[in-house]
Structures are given as C-alpha cells and as structure tokens.
C-alpha atoms as a PDB file:
ATOM      1  CA  MET A   1     201.858 -62.917 145.364  1.00  0.00           C
ATOM      2  CA  GLY A   2     199.485 -61.157 147.766  1.00  0.00           C
ATOM      3  CA  ILE A   3     201.284 -62.450 150.860  1.00  0.00           C
ATOM      4  CA  LEU A   4     204.607 -61.191 149.534  1.00  0.00           C
ATOM      5  CA  LEU A   5     203.106 -57.740 149.025  1.00  0.00           C
ATOM      6  CA  TRP A   6     201.737 -57.796 152.595  1.00  0.00           C
ATOM      7  CA  LEU A   7     205.208 -58.652 153.881  1.00  0.00           C
ATOM      8  CA  LEU A   8     206.757 -55.933 151.731  1.00  0.00           C
ATOM      9  CA  CYS A   9     204.244 -53.334 152.949  1.00  0.00           C
ATOM     10  CA  GLY A  10     204.742 -54.571 156.524  1.00  0.00           C
ATOM     11  CA  LEU A  11     208.514 -54.347 156.246  1.00  0.00           C
ATOM     12  CA  ILE A  12     208.410 -50.839 154.812  1.00  0.00           C
ATOM     13  CA  ALA A  13     205.715 -49.649 157.232  1.00  0.00           C
ATOM     14  CA  GLY A  14     207.443 -51.161 160.276  1.00  0.00           C
ATOM     15  CA  TRP A  15     210.841 -49.745 159.365  1.00  0.00           C
ATOM     16  CA  LEU A  16     209.477 -46.272 158.595  1.00  0.00           C
ATOM     17  CA  THR A  17     207.369 -46.271 161.742  1.00  0.00           C
ATOM     18  CA  GLY A  18     210.501 -46.963 163.787  1.00  0.00           C
ATOM     19  CA  LYS A  19     212.147 -43.957 162.131  1.00  0.00           C
ATOM     20  CA  ILE A  20     209.104 -41.687 162.457  1.00  0.00           C
ATOM     21  CA  MET A  21     208.441 -42.540 166.108  1.00  0.00           C
ATOM     22  CA  LYS A  22     212.077 -41.722 167.009  1.00  0.00           C
ATOM     23  CA  GLY A  23     212.700 -45.135 168.472  1.00  0.00           C
ATOM     24  CA  SER A  24     215.191 -47.794 167.639  1.00  0.00           C
ATOM     25  CA  GLY A  25     212.360 -50.097 166.687  1.00  0.00           C
ATOM     26  CA  TYR A  26     211.572 -53.453 168.187  1.00  0.00           C
ATOM     27  CA  GLY A  27     213.763 -55.582 165.952  1.00  0.00           C
ATOM     28  CA  PHE A  28     213.395 -56.746 162.366  1.00  0.00           C
ATOM     29  CA  PHE A  29     210.611 -59.315 162.805  1.00  0.00           C
ATOM     30  CA  VAL A  30     208.583 -57.332 165.336  1.00  0.00           C
ATOM     31  CA  ASP A  31     208.796 -54.254 163.087  1.00  0.00           C
ATOM     32  CA  ILE A  32     207.407 -56.329 160.212  1.00  0.00           C
ATOM     33  CA  LEU A  33     204.634 -57.676 162.435  1.00  0.00           C
ATOM     34  CA  LEU A  34     203.795 -54.169 163.648  1.00  0.00           C
ATOM     35  CA  GLY A  35     203.718 -52.991 160.039  1.00  0.00           C
ATOM     36  CA  ILE A  36     201.381 -55.815 159.003  1.00  0.00           C
ATOM     37  CA  ALA A  37     199.170 -55.260 162.063  1.00  0.00           C
ATOM     38  CA  GLY A  38     199.290 -51.551 161.281  1.00  0.00           C
ATOM     39  CA  GLY A  39     198.009 -52.376 157.822  1.00  0.00           C
ATOM     40  CA  PHE A  40     194.971 -54.031 159.363  1.00  0.00           C
ATOM     41  CA  VAL A  41     194.403 -51.137 161.785  1.00  0.00           C
ATOM     42  CA  GLY A  42     194.976 -48.508 159.122  1.00  0.00           C
ATOM     43  CA  GLY A  43     192.811 -50.419 156.652  1.00  0.00           C
ATOM     44  CA  ALA A  44     189.967 -50.618 159.161  1.00  0.00           C
ATOM     45  CA  ILE A  45     190.217 -46.892 159.872  1.00  0.00           C
ATOM     46  CA  ALA A  46     190.375 -46.086 156.145  1.00  0.00           C
ATOM     47  CA  HIS A  47     187.363 -48.314 155.516  1.00  0.00           C
ATOM     48  CA  HIS A  48     185.347 -46.526 158.207  1.00  0.00           C
ATOM     49  CA  LEU A  49     186.329 -43.197 156.656  1.00  0.00           C
ATOM     50  CA  GLY A  50     185.096 -44.409 153.269  1.00  0.00           C
ATOM     51  CA  LEU A  51     188.534 -44.725 151.668  1.00  0.00           C
ATOM     52  CA  ASP A  52     189.546 -47.722 149.543  1.00  0.00           C
ATOM     53  CA  PRO A  53     193.226 -48.674 150.076  1.00  0.00           C
ATOM     54  CA  HIS A  54     193.081 -51.900 148.043  1.00  0.00           C
ATOM     55  CA  GLY A  55     195.389 -52.550 145.129  1.00  0.00           C
ATOM     56  CA  ARG A  56     197.805 -49.641 145.370  1.00  0.00           C
ATOM     57  CA  LEU A  57     201.194 -50.365 146.909  1.00  0.00           C
ATOM     58  CA  ILE A  58     202.112 -46.811 147.903  1.00  0.00           C
ATOM     59  CA  TYR A  59     198.658 -45.986 149.269  1.00  0.00           C
ATOM     60  CA  SER A  60     198.490 -49.306 151.141  1.00  0.00           C
ATOM     61  CA  THR A  61     201.945 -48.699 152.595  1.00  0.00           C
ATOM     62  CA  LEU A  62     200.959 -45.215 153.776  1.00  0.00           C
ATOM     63  CA  VAL A  63     197.807 -46.611 155.394  1.00  0.00           C
ATOM     64  CA  ALA A  64     199.910 -49.338 157.055  1.00  0.00           C
ATOM     65  CA  ILE A  65     202.367 -46.721 158.338  1.00  0.00           C
ATOM     66  CA  GLY A  66     199.491 -44.729 159.842  1.00  0.00           C
ATOM     67  CA  GLY A  67     198.105 -47.831 161.523  1.00  0.00           C
ATOM     68  CA  ALA A  68     201.538 -48.884 162.771  1.00  0.00           C
ATOM     69  CA  ILE A  69     202.123 -45.423 164.256  1.00  0.00           C
ATOM     70  CA  ILE A  70     198.839 -45.746 166.135  1.00  0.00           C
ATOM     71  CA  LEU A  71     199.837 -49.216 167.392  1.00  0.00           C
ATOM     72  CA  VAL A  72     203.294 -48.097 168.520  1.00  0.00           C
ATOM     73  CA  ALA A  73     201.786 -45.090 170.320  1.00  0.00           C
ATOM     74  CA  ILE A  74     199.338 -47.384 172.141  1.00  0.00           C
ATOM     75  CA  ILE A  75     202.124 -49.839 173.033  1.00  0.00           C
ATOM     76  CA  ARG A  76     204.247 -47.013 174.431  1.00  0.00           C
ATOM     77  CA  LEU A  77     201.321 -45.700 176.491  1.00  0.00           C
ATOM     78  CA  ILE A  78     200.719 -49.166 177.914  1.00  0.00           C
ATOM     79  CA  LYS A  79     204.421 -49.621 178.748  1.00  0.00           C
ATOM     80  CA  LYS A  80     204.502 -46.214 180.439  1.00  0.00           C
ATOM     81  CA  ALA A  81     201.431 -47.003 182.524  1.00  0.00           C
ATOM     82  CA  ALA A  82     202.792 -50.374 183.645  1.00  0.00           C
END
C-alpha cells in the first residue's frame, strides 16, 4: 500500500508542479517521477528543518510539491545554462 501512496503523491505533486511552474510539464510519467523525486528532496529538507512529514497524505503531498518545484527550477536553470 505504501508504494501506491508514493505514486499517488508523486502524480499529484508532479501534476501540480507543472501547473504552478507555468509549464506544460514533461509528460505524464516524467511528471510522476519528478513528483516522487520531489518527495525525497522535500522530505530531506523537511527532515533537516525538524519537520516530520510521515504518515499524512496532504502534508506529504505538499512537501513533495515543494521538492518538485525545487527540482524543476534546477532543471530549468541547467537547461538555460546549456
């Protein structure tokens, strides 16, 4: 069940990040992957700030969105520099 929740959070976070960052997104699967990776990034940042995002779907999704926004911003900076 945990993997399904990760995919659900990743899907939601990736889709919302595409909307927030004013882009068309990177496609369905890449958006999910960015959302899941954003969950790891956001979770690491939350952990270092002393926050505990475990076990709450909405909170975990918000953390994943924050992490995904950071990842998309970094990806765009790298693409611009190249």
